[in-house]
Amino acid sequence: MKRVSASLLPPIALDPQGVAPIYRQLSDWFRRAIVDGQLQPGQRVPSTRALAGELKVSRLPVLSAYEQLHAEGYLETFTGAGTCVAGAIPLGAPDKPRRRRGSASSALTASPMRRVATRAMAMAGPEQTWLDSQGAFRVGLPALDAFPHEAWARLLSRHARHVDTESLVYGDPLGYLPLREAIADYLRTVRAVRADASQVMITTGAQHGVQVCTHVLLDAGDTAWVEEPGYPGAHQALAAVDAKVVLVPVDEDGLDVAEGIRRGPDARMVYLTPSHQFPLGVTMSASRRMQLLQWAAREGRWIVEDDYDSEYRFGGKPVPSLQGLDADGRVIYVGTFSKVMFPALRLGWLVVPKDLVPAFRMARDALDTCSPMLPQRAMTDFIREGHFARHIRRMRALYAARRAALLGAIERHLPGRLQVVGAEAGMQLAALLPRGMDDIALSRAAARAGVSIRPLSQCWRGPGARHGLILGYGGVDAHAIEEGIRRLAQCM
């Protein structure tokens, strides 16, 4: 068998001992490649001399094949451009396999030959009409207008201009060591996290960190607690490993640990957001924290603490991390730069108990090897040169002002119609709608009016969902907040 991997063509296989002559094998191959879309209209093909040389055959069968394809309308020749695929496939071309009409998911499940794994369907999230707009009140969007673009661009340029071999090869699955050291120093100081650089793993954000945790800590069929209501991304990460989910209710003191033990005493993992619960915004009480840690230590369970935006708290100092209270090494701490810097940076971290570091390193190496080196190096300097701390201080004041603007706009335009909850921290707040109002229908109407609101009911997986709105205020100024609430009032 003779093969060629030309720059313009997929590999061609010829059988010199076959029944069909070489020129017919070539012409048949080109017809199939053009009809199947492997070769696109107008795409240049190699000259007969070049192709014959690549295939190590006489030029004569290649000339014969090209002449046949010209005659049938599959190839065209242009002055200065050589031989190209014709602009239109000629009539009488072989029929392509017919596809069933319908959505992508129905196409995948319609035929056993196109079936995908059940967990792929389970990972699908709810409808996200609120993503159609980038304005008010997009959840998870920081104040990009106030980001120190010049300082960041200067640091990126510094490292892009001085690229060394270490920057171009595969990196440590745990991440760039100087960045891990900087993160460990920051977390010890600001979040009371017990960590050194050897325990820090750089991830591509909080969601990726949760996914790594589920791969390391859970086998298929294992049980995990998840807050109800809670973060939909946690359900997606658990579905990816075929874990069973136990929904544990959240009240004004956070996760109800006693109810969790009653519903899922054999759970191997607990996922929660104790410092700023998503989506309700409550803070887990000290007694609940100690109750959870004692149960995890006694039963040998793992706790995944997602601390996604705890830098921003307006009713006092940031609440210390759950991990900092953990004396038995049961907590894996998840953090991200997406809310402090910008989402496209795709950098986050895990703080892992020391005895689990080898398992996490192996899992990271198997899943996606390592994070890109250039942004890691720039982020290291951004922290060490003081830009990070200054930026957080500025953003804390800015978000407090934007939160006040949002609460004021709600009071002016929607008095008595929204019950605000969880407004003391973060870059978002939740608000309950009057009974009988559909938050998903409202989110669609708001999207048509250019307003992004995330339906609160989508954060419930069991019965008893409350309808409400999750309003992000971090990425919008006071004028856009006022206009957004005015439009929302009209939609309601």
Protein backbone atom coordinates (compact mmCIF):
# COMPACT_ATOMS: atom_id res chain seq x y z
CA MET A 1 0.00 0.00 0.00
CA LYS A 2 1.37 3.41 -0.98
CA ARG A 3 0.30 6.42 1.08
CA VAL A 4 0.78 10.18 0.84
CA SER A 5 0.14 12.91 3.39
CA ALA A 6 0.34 16.01 1.25
CA SER A 7 -0.26 19.42 2.77
CA LEU A 8 -3.39 19.92 0.70
CA LEU A 9 -4.84 16.40 0.76
CA PRO A 10 -5.94 13.80 3.28
CA PRO A 11 -3.89 10.58 3.09
CA ILE A 12 -4.34 8.64 -0.17
CA ALA A 13 -4.05 4.83 -0.17
CA LEU A 14 -3.31 2.99 -3.44
CA ASP A 15 -3.12 -0.75 -4.00
CA PRO A 16 -0.68 -1.52 -6.85
CA GLN A 17 -1.86 -5.17 -6.81
CA GLY A 18 -5.56 -4.27 -6.92
CA VAL A 19 -7.96 -5.13 -9.72
CA ALA A 20 -8.68 -1.46 -10.53
CA PRO A 21 -5.90 0.42 -12.34
CA ILE A 22 -4.08 3.20 -10.52
CA TYR A 23 -5.77 6.02 -12.47
CA ARG A 24 -9.24 4.69 -11.51
CA GLN A 25 -8.26 4.31 -7.83
CA LEU A 26 -7.12 7.92 -7.89
CA SER A 27 -10.22 9.28 -9.62
CA ASP A 28 -12.50 7.28 -7.28
CA TRP A 29 -10.63 8.64 -4.27
CA PHE A 30 -10.97 12.26 -5.41
CA ARG A 31 -14.70 11.84 -6.10
CA ARG A 32 -15.33 10.48 -2.59
CA ALA A 33 -13.18 13.15 -0.95
CA ILE A 34 -15.00 15.97 -2.78
CA VAL A 35 -18.51 14.61 -2.18
CA ASP A 36 -17.80 13.91 1.51
CA GLY A 37 -16.43 17.42 2.05
CA GLN A 38 -12.83 16.42 2.74
CA LEU A 39 -11.87 18.61 -0.21
CA GLN A 40 -13.64 21.96 -0.34
CA PRO A 41 -14.79 23.91 -3.45
CA GLY A 42 -11.93 26.07 -4.72
CA GLN A 43 -9.30 24.14 -2.76
CA ARG A 44 -6.08 23.75 -4.71
CA VAL A 45 -4.84 20.22 -5.38
CA PRO A 46 -1.23 19.19 -6.11
CA SER A 47 0.08 19.28 -9.63
CA THR A 48 0.23 15.96 -11.48
CA ARG A 49 4.02 15.97 -11.24
CA ALA A 50 4.00 16.67 -7.47
CA LEU A 51 1.34 14.06 -6.73
CA ALA A 52 3.05 11.41 -8.83
CA GLY A 53 6.27 12.10 -6.93
CA GLU A 54 4.55 11.83 -3.57
CA LEU A 55 2.82 8.57 -4.52
CA LYS A 56 5.97 7.24 -6.24
CA VAL A 57 4.00 6.27 -9.35
CA SER A 58 4.27 7.19 -13.00
CA ARG A 59 2.87 10.58 -13.94
CA LEU A 60 0.69 8.99 -16.66
CA PRO A 61 -2.02 7.49 -14.36
CA VAL A 62 -2.20 10.78 -12.44
CA LEU A 63 -2.72 12.70 -15.73
CA SER A 64 -5.41 10.22 -16.74
CA ALA A 65 -7.21 10.57 -13.39
CA TYR A 66 -7.11 14.40 -13.52
CA GLU A 67 -8.40 14.40 -17.11
CA GLN A 68 -11.31 12.16 -16.11
CA LEU A 69 -12.15 14.38 -13.13
CA HIS A 70 -11.97 17.47 -15.36
CA ALA A 71 -14.34 15.86 -17.82
CA GLU A 72 -16.81 14.99 -15.05
CA GLY A 73 -16.69 18.49 -13.58
CA TYR A 74 -14.96 17.71 -10.29
CA LEU A 75 -11.78 19.68 -11.04
CA GLU A 76 -11.14 23.03 -12.75
CA THR A 77 -7.94 24.70 -13.93
CA PHE A 78 -7.29 28.42 -13.48
CA THR A 79 -4.43 30.48 -14.89
CA GLY A 80 -2.00 31.23 -12.10
CA ALA A 81 -3.87 29.07 -9.57
CA GLY A 82 -3.34 25.61 -10.99
CA THR A 83 -5.85 22.80 -10.57
CA CYS A 84 -8.62 23.29 -7.99
CA VAL A 85 -11.75 21.55 -6.81
CA ALA A 86 -14.76 22.72 -8.83
CA GLY A 87 -17.05 25.35 -7.30
CA ALA A 88 -20.08 23.07 -7.52
CA ILE A 89 -20.37 19.29 -7.26
CA PRO A 90 -21.70 18.00 -10.60
CA LEU A 91 -25.10 16.38 -11.05
CA GLY A 92 -25.07 12.64 -10.77
CA ALA A 93 -22.53 12.61 -7.94
CA PRO A 94 -22.83 9.67 -5.55
CA ASP A 95 -25.49 10.27 -2.89
CA LYS A 96 -24.26 11.19 0.57
CA PRO A 97 -25.76 9.27 3.50
CA ARG A 98 -29.02 10.87 4.50
CA ARG A 99 -29.20 12.48 7.93
CA ARG A 100 -32.27 12.56 10.11
CA ARG A 101 -33.85 15.93 10.66
CA GLY A 102 -34.04 17.36 14.16
CA SER A 103 -31.79 18.60 16.92
CA ALA A 104 -28.23 17.46 17.51
CA SER A 105 -29.27 15.45 20.55
CA SER A 106 -32.09 13.70 18.69
CA ALA A 107 -29.70 12.90 15.83
CA LEU A 108 -27.31 11.31 18.29
CA THR A 109 -29.96 9.21 19.99
CA ALA A 110 -32.03 8.33 16.91
CA SER A 111 -29.75 5.53 15.72
CA PRO A 112 -27.74 2.98 17.75
CA MET A 113 -24.84 3.69 15.40
CA ARG A 114 -24.71 7.32 16.62
CA ARG A 115 -25.39 6.78 20.32
CA VAL A 116 -23.35 8.72 22.87
CA ALA A 117 -22.75 7.96 26.53
CA THR A 118 -25.68 8.54 28.88
CA ARG A 119 -23.54 10.76 31.09
CA ALA A 120 -22.92 13.10 28.12
CA MET A 121 -26.65 13.85 28.07
CA ALA A 122 -26.68 14.12 31.89
CA MET A 123 -24.01 16.85 31.71
CA ALA A 124 -26.32 19.14 29.72
CA GLY A 125 -27.17 22.25 31.70
CA PRO A 126 -30.48 24.12 31.81
CA GLU A 127 -31.55 26.59 29.13
CA GLN A 128 -29.38 29.70 29.38
CA THR A 129 -31.30 32.57 27.82
CA TRP A 130 -29.59 34.86 30.31
CA LEU A 131 -26.32 34.39 28.41
CA ASP A 132 -27.72 36.17 25.34
CA SER A 133 -26.78 39.60 26.72
CA GLN A 134 -23.44 40.90 28.01
CA GLY A 135 -24.99 43.88 29.82
CA ALA A 136 -26.96 44.19 33.03
CA PHE A 137 -27.20 41.86 34.93
CA ARG A 138 -24.82 39.19 33.65
CA VAL A 139 -23.82 36.85 36.49
CA GLY A 140 -20.13 36.21 37.09
CA LEU A 141 -18.88 39.18 35.07
CA PRO A 142 -16.40 41.43 36.92
CA ALA A 143 -15.82 45.12 36.30
CA LEU A 144 -13.83 44.78 33.09
CA ASP A 145 -14.05 48.55 32.56
CA ALA A 146 -12.00 49.04 35.74
CA PHE A 147 -9.41 46.36 35.10
CA PRO A 148 -5.76 47.62 34.97
CA HIS A 149 -5.33 46.75 31.30
CA GLU A 150 -2.03 48.58 30.83
CA ALA A 151 -0.30 46.86 33.75
CA TRP A 152 -1.53 43.45 32.62
CA ALA A 153 -0.51 44.06 28.99
CA ARG A 154 2.95 45.17 30.12
CA LEU A 155 3.47 41.98 32.12
CA LEU A 156 2.25 39.79 29.26
CA SER A 157 4.57 41.59 26.84
CA ARG A 158 7.50 41.21 29.21
CA HIS A 159 7.19 37.43 29.22
CA ALA A 160 6.22 37.13 25.57
CA ARG A 161 9.38 39.00 24.53
CA HIS A 162 11.66 36.84 26.67
CA VAL A 163 10.48 33.33 25.90
CA ASP A 164 12.79 30.55 27.08
CA THR A 165 12.69 26.80 26.54
CA GLU A 166 10.87 26.22 29.83
CA SER A 167 7.96 28.29 28.54
CA LEU A 168 7.55 26.13 25.44
CA VAL A 169 7.68 22.59 26.83
CA TYR A 170 5.07 20.68 28.83
CA GLY A 171 4.87 22.09 32.33
CA ASP A 172 4.38 20.58 35.76
CA PRO A 173 0.79 19.25 36.08
CA LEU A 174 0.60 21.13 39.39
CA GLY A 175 1.48 24.40 37.67
CA TYR A 176 4.20 27.05 37.63
CA LEU A 177 5.94 26.87 41.01
CA PRO A 178 6.41 30.66 41.56
CA LEU A 179 2.68 31.20 40.95
CA ARG A 180 1.82 28.40 43.36
CA GLU A 181 4.06 30.05 45.97
CA ALA A 182 2.39 33.44 45.42
CA ILE A 183 -1.10 31.90 45.72
CA ALA A 184 -0.16 30.03 48.90
CA ASP A 185 1.17 33.26 50.48
CA TYR A 186 -2.00 35.13 49.49
CA LEU A 187 -4.38 32.46 50.80
CA ARG A 188 -2.58 32.12 54.13
CA THR A 189 -2.79 35.87 54.67
CA VAL A 190 -6.26 36.70 53.33
CA ARG A 191 -8.31 33.51 53.63
CA ALA A 192 -6.63 31.75 56.60
CA VAL A 193 -5.98 28.73 54.39
CA ARG A 194 -3.43 26.19 55.62
CA ALA A 195 -1.25 25.73 52.57
CA ASP A 196 2.21 25.71 51.11
CA ALA A 197 3.16 25.69 47.45
CA SER A 198 3.48 21.89 47.34
CA GLN A 199 -0.28 21.62 47.97
CA VAL A 200 -1.38 24.12 45.31
CA MET A 201 -2.46 23.00 41.85
CA ILE A 202 -3.11 25.54 39.08
CA THR A 203 -6.34 24.84 37.19
CA THR A 204 -8.24 26.48 34.34
CA GLY A 205 -10.83 27.88 36.73
CA ALA A 206 -13.12 26.76 39.55
CA GLN A 207 -15.25 24.50 37.36
CA HIS A 208 -12.17 22.64 36.16
CA GLY A 209 -11.01 22.32 39.75
CA VAL A 210 -14.30 20.72 40.78
CA GLN A 211 -14.05 18.33 37.83
CA VAL A 212 -10.56 17.23 38.88
CA CYS A 213 -11.86 16.65 42.41
CA THR A 214 -14.67 14.39 41.22
CA HIS A 215 -12.27 12.31 39.12
CA VAL A 216 -9.89 11.81 42.05
CA LEU A 217 -12.35 11.36 44.91
CA LEU A 218 -15.27 9.44 43.40
CA ASP A 219 -15.86 6.14 41.66
CA ALA A 220 -18.93 5.55 39.49
CA GLY A 221 -21.96 5.11 41.72
CA ASP A 222 -20.44 6.91 44.73
CA THR A 223 -22.65 9.44 46.51
CA ALA A 224 -21.99 13.18 46.91
CA TRP A 225 -23.86 15.90 48.77
CA VAL A 226 -24.76 19.04 46.82
CA GLU A 227 -26.48 22.16 48.17
CA GLU A 228 -30.16 22.65 47.30
CA PRO A 229 -30.43 25.16 45.72
CA GLY A 230 -26.89 25.07 44.44
CA TYR A 231 -24.40 25.60 41.68
CA PRO A 232 -25.49 23.78 38.46
CA GLY A 233 -21.86 23.26 37.44
CA ALA A 234 -21.37 20.91 40.40
CA HIS A 235 -24.13 18.66 39.07
CA GLN A 236 -22.42 18.61 35.65
CA ALA A 237 -19.06 17.65 37.19
CA LEU A 238 -20.68 14.84 39.17
CA ALA A 239 -22.59 13.57 36.15
CA ALA A 240 -19.29 13.25 34.28
CA VAL A 241 -18.15 10.55 36.72
CA ASP A 242 -21.56 8.85 37.12
CA ALA A 243 -21.86 9.87 40.76
CA LYS A 244 -25.14 9.83 42.69
CA VAL A 245 -26.29 13.19 44.01
CA VAL A 246 -27.92 13.77 47.39
CA LEU A 247 -29.63 17.16 47.57
CA VAL A 248 -29.08 18.81 50.97
CA PRO A 249 -31.22 21.87 51.80
CA VAL A 250 -29.77 25.28 52.58
CA ASP A 251 -31.27 27.64 55.16
CA GLU A 252 -30.17 30.89 56.78
CA ASP A 253 -27.21 29.04 58.41
CA GLY A 254 -26.05 27.42 55.19
CA LEU A 255 -25.91 23.69 54.43
CA ASP A 256 -28.10 21.64 56.81
CA VAL A 257 -25.50 19.10 57.90
CA ALA A 258 -27.85 17.02 60.04
CA GLU A 259 -30.26 16.63 57.13
CA GLY A 260 -27.35 15.70 54.86
CA ILE A 261 -26.30 12.93 57.24
CA ARG A 262 -29.88 11.69 57.34
CA ARG A 263 -30.28 11.69 53.55
CA GLY A 264 -26.82 10.49 52.56
CA PRO A 265 -24.85 8.97 55.43
CA ASP A 266 -22.61 7.04 53.02
CA ALA A 267 -21.62 10.07 50.91
CA ARG A 268 -17.94 10.09 49.97
CA MET A 269 -17.82 13.79 49.03
CA VAL A 270 -19.54 17.05 49.94
CA TYR A 271 -19.55 20.01 47.55
CA LEU A 272 -20.50 23.37 49.05
CA THR A 273 -19.97 27.14 48.89
CA PRO A 274 -19.82 28.04 52.61
CA SER A 275 -18.51 31.61 52.51
CA HIS A 276 -21.02 32.94 49.96
CA GLN A 277 -23.55 30.27 49.12
CA PHE A 278 -24.50 30.06 45.46
CA PRO A 279 -27.14 31.26 44.68
CA LEU A 280 -28.72 32.50 47.94
CA GLY A 281 -25.65 34.29 49.29
CA VAL A 282 -25.91 33.07 52.89
CA THR A 283 -22.84 32.32 55.00
CA MET A 284 -22.47 28.95 56.69
CA SER A 285 -22.56 29.33 60.48
CA ALA A 286 -19.62 28.36 62.67
CA SER A 287 -21.56 25.58 64.37
CA ARG A 288 -22.54 24.03 61.03
CA ARG A 289 -18.93 24.24 59.85
CA MET A 290 -17.64 22.39 62.89
CA GLN A 291 -20.43 19.81 62.62
CA LEU A 292 -19.50 19.11 58.98
CA LEU A 293 -15.76 18.88 59.70
CA GLN A 294 -16.30 16.53 62.64
CA TRP A 295 -18.54 14.23 60.58
CA ALA A 296 -16.05 14.20 57.68
CA ALA A 297 -13.15 13.35 60.01
CA ARG A 298 -15.11 10.68 61.85
CA GLU A 299 -16.46 8.97 58.70
CA GLY A 300 -13.51 9.58 56.36
CA ARG A 301 -15.39 11.85 53.91
CA TRP A 302 -14.04 14.54 51.59
CA ILE A 303 -15.22 18.16 51.46
CA VAL A 304 -14.81 20.32 48.34
CA GLU A 305 -15.01 23.99 49.38
CA ASP A 306 -15.71 26.28 46.41
CA ASP A 307 -14.62 29.77 47.47
CA TYR A 308 -15.42 31.48 44.17
CA ASP A 309 -15.75 35.18 45.16
CA SER A 310 -15.08 35.54 48.87
CA GLU A 311 -12.74 38.52 48.33
CA TYR A 312 -15.76 40.80 48.20
CA ARG A 313 -17.68 41.17 51.45
CA PHE A 314 -19.41 44.39 52.48
CA GLY A 315 -20.71 43.64 55.97
CA GLY A 316 -17.24 43.23 57.51
CA LYS A 317 -14.04 41.32 56.86
CA PRO A 318 -14.04 38.25 54.60
CA VAL A 319 -15.13 35.09 56.41
CA PRO A 320 -12.23 32.66 57.06
CA SER A 321 -12.20 29.57 54.93
CA LEU A 322 -13.61 26.23 56.02
CA GLN A 323 -10.28 24.69 55.03
CA GLY A 324 -8.52 26.81 57.65
CA LEU A 325 -10.56 25.10 60.38
CA ASP A 326 -9.79 21.62 59.08
CA ALA A 327 -7.39 19.79 61.39
CA ASP A 328 -7.78 16.38 59.74
CA GLY A 329 -6.98 17.19 56.08
CA ARG A 330 -10.48 16.47 54.74
CA VAL A 331 -11.03 19.72 52.74
CA ILE A 332 -10.01 20.44 49.15
CA TYR A 333 -10.13 24.21 48.60
CA VAL A 334 -11.20 25.58 45.19
CA GLY A 335 -10.54 29.14 44.02
CA THR A 336 -10.43 31.15 40.81
CA PHE A 337 -9.06 34.35 39.30
CA SER A 338 -12.09 34.68 37.02
CA LYS A 339 -14.04 36.93 39.41
CA VAL A 340 -11.07 39.08 40.45
CA MET A 341 -9.29 39.35 37.10
CA PHE A 342 -11.39 38.37 34.06
CA PRO A 343 -13.10 35.11 33.02
CA ALA A 344 -11.07 34.55 29.83
CA LEU A 345 -7.87 34.29 31.88
CA ARG A 346 -8.86 30.70 32.76
CA LEU A 347 -6.69 30.38 35.84
CA GLY A 348 -7.76 28.99 39.18
CA TRP A 349 -6.35 26.76 41.87
CA LEU A 350 -6.87 23.84 44.22
CA VAL A 351 -5.35 23.45 47.66
CA VAL A 352 -5.05 19.73 48.26
CA PRO A 353 -4.24 17.74 51.44
CA LYS A 354 -0.62 16.65 51.21
CA ASP A 355 -1.31 12.93 51.05
CA LEU A 356 -3.64 13.46 48.05
CA VAL A 357 -1.16 15.50 45.98
CA PRO A 358 0.22 12.47 44.03
CA ALA A 359 -3.29 11.36 43.04
CA PHE A 360 -4.26 14.88 41.95
CA ARG A 361 -1.03 15.24 39.97
CA MET A 362 -1.71 11.98 38.10
CA ALA A 363 -5.32 12.95 37.39
CA ARG A 364 -4.35 16.38 36.08
CA ASP A 365 -1.67 14.88 33.87
CA ALA A 366 -4.20 12.43 32.42
CA LEU A 367 -6.99 14.99 31.91
CA ASP A 368 -5.20 17.93 30.28
CA THR A 369 -1.50 17.82 31.27
CA CYS A 370 -0.93 21.42 32.41
CA SER A 371 -2.01 25.06 32.18
CA PRO A 372 -0.51 27.53 29.66
CA MET A 373 2.74 29.01 30.91
CA LEU A 374 2.53 32.62 29.65
CA PRO A 375 -0.53 33.70 31.69
CA GLN A 376 0.85 31.88 34.75
CA ARG A 377 4.08 33.86 34.59
CA ALA A 378 2.28 37.15 34.03
CA MET A 379 -0.09 36.41 36.92
CA THR A 380 2.85 35.68 39.20
CA ASP A 381 4.29 39.14 38.58
CA PHE A 382 0.83 40.72 38.86
CA ILE A 383 0.61 39.37 42.41
CA ARG A 384 4.21 39.94 43.45
CA GLU A 385 4.37 43.52 42.19
CA GLY A 386 1.28 44.51 44.20
CA HIS A 387 -1.18 44.97 41.32
CA PHE A 388 -3.41 42.16 42.56
CA ALA A 389 -3.88 43.52 46.10
CA ARG A 390 -4.49 47.07 44.82
CA HIS A 391 -7.01 45.81 42.28
CA ILE A 392 -8.96 43.87 44.93
CA ARG A 393 -9.11 46.94 47.19
CA ARG A 394 -10.44 49.09 44.35
CA MET A 395 -12.96 46.47 43.26
CA ARG A 396 -14.26 46.00 46.81
CA ALA A 397 -15.17 49.69 46.98
CA LEU A 398 -16.54 49.72 43.43
CA TYR A 399 -18.75 46.67 43.95
CA ALA A 400 -20.09 48.09 47.21
CA ALA A 401 -21.16 51.21 45.29
CA ARG A 402 -22.72 49.17 42.49
CA ARG A 403 -24.53 46.98 44.99
CA ALA A 404 -25.98 50.11 46.61
CA ALA A 405 -27.01 51.42 43.18
CA LEU A 406 -28.80 48.15 42.42
CA LEU A 407 -30.65 48.08 45.73
CA GLY A 408 -31.69 51.69 45.19
CA ALA A 409 -32.91 51.03 41.66
CA ILE A 410 -34.96 48.04 42.86
CA GLU A 411 -36.55 50.20 45.54
CA ARG A 412 -37.44 52.93 43.00
CA HIS A 413 -38.71 50.80 40.12
CA LEU A 414 -39.87 47.57 41.78
CA PRO A 415 -41.01 48.50 45.29
CA GLY A 416 -42.41 45.49 47.10
CA ARG A 417 -42.12 43.25 44.04
CA LEU A 418 -38.69 41.72 44.69
CA GLN A 419 -37.50 40.23 47.98
CA VAL A 420 -33.73 40.65 48.00
CA VAL A 421 -31.61 37.96 49.68
CA GLY A 422 -27.87 37.53 49.98
CA ALA A 423 -26.75 41.09 49.28
CA GLU A 424 -23.83 41.26 51.73
CA ALA A 425 -21.07 39.76 49.58
CA GLY A 426 -19.86 38.95 46.10
CA MET A 427 -20.82 40.47 42.76
CA GLN A 428 -24.44 39.32 42.61
CA LEU A 429 -27.60 39.08 44.64
CA ALA A 430 -30.69 36.90 44.55
CA ALA A 431 -34.21 38.28 44.65
CA LEU A 432 -37.42 36.26 45.08
CA LEU A 433 -40.37 36.95 42.76
CA PRO A 434 -44.00 37.14 43.85
CA ARG A 435 -45.74 33.79 44.01
CA GLY A 436 -47.03 32.63 40.65
CA MET A 437 -44.49 34.51 38.51
CA ASP A 438 -42.34 32.35 36.19
CA ASP A 439 -38.67 33.37 36.35
CA ILE A 440 -37.73 31.46 33.18
CA ALA A 441 -40.42 33.22 31.13
CA LEU A 442 -39.30 36.52 32.66
CA SER A 443 -35.66 35.82 31.75
CA ARG A 444 -36.67 35.27 28.12
CA ALA A 445 -38.63 38.52 28.03
CA ALA A 446 -35.74 40.36 29.68
CA ALA A 447 -33.27 38.92 27.16
CA ARG A 448 -35.38 40.34 24.33
CA ALA A 449 -35.18 43.71 26.10
CA GLY A 450 -31.37 43.45 26.34
CA VAL A 451 -31.29 42.54 30.04
CA SER A 452 -29.55 39.41 31.38
CA ILE A 453 -31.19 37.79 34.41
CA ARG A 454 -30.45 34.27 35.55
CA PRO A 455 -33.54 32.35 36.73
CA LEU A 456 -33.19 31.32 40.35
CA SER A 457 -35.42 28.25 39.92
CA GLN A 458 -32.79 26.60 37.69
CA CYS A 459 -30.58 26.18 40.76
CA TRP A 460 -33.06 23.70 42.27
CA ARG A 461 -32.97 20.05 41.19
CA GLY A 462 -35.71 18.71 43.45
CA PRO A 463 -39.26 19.83 44.25
CA GLY A 464 -40.03 23.12 45.97
CA ALA A 465 -38.07 25.43 43.67
CA ARG A 466 -38.54 29.15 44.37
CA HIS A 467 -38.85 31.50 41.43
CA GLY A 468 -36.58 34.51 41.50
CA LEU A 469 -33.71 36.32 39.82
CA ILE A 470 -29.94 36.25 40.18
CA LEU A 471 -28.69 39.72 39.33
CA GLY A 472 -24.99 40.32 38.72
CA TYR A 473 -23.87 43.89 39.33
CA GLY A 474 -20.09 43.55 39.09
CA GLY A 475 -19.80 44.20 35.37
CA VAL A 476 -22.21 47.16 34.99
CA ASP A 477 -21.98 50.80 36.04
CA ALA A 478 -24.64 52.75 37.93
CA HIS A 479 -26.30 54.11 34.78
CA ALA A 480 -26.62 50.64 33.22
CA ILE A 481 -27.96 49.29 36.52
CA GLU A 482 -30.68 51.95 36.63
CA GLU A 483 -31.66 51.37 33.01
CA GLY A 484 -31.57 47.60 33.43
CA ILE A 485 -33.95 47.64 36.40
CA ARG A 486 -36.26 50.04 34.55
CA ARG A 487 -36.45 47.60 31.61
CA LEU A 488 -36.92 44.68 33.97
CA ALA A 489 -39.85 46.48 35.60
CA GLN A 490 -41.45 46.88 32.19
CA CYS A 491 -40.97 43.17 31.46
CA MET A 492 -42.63 42.26 34.75
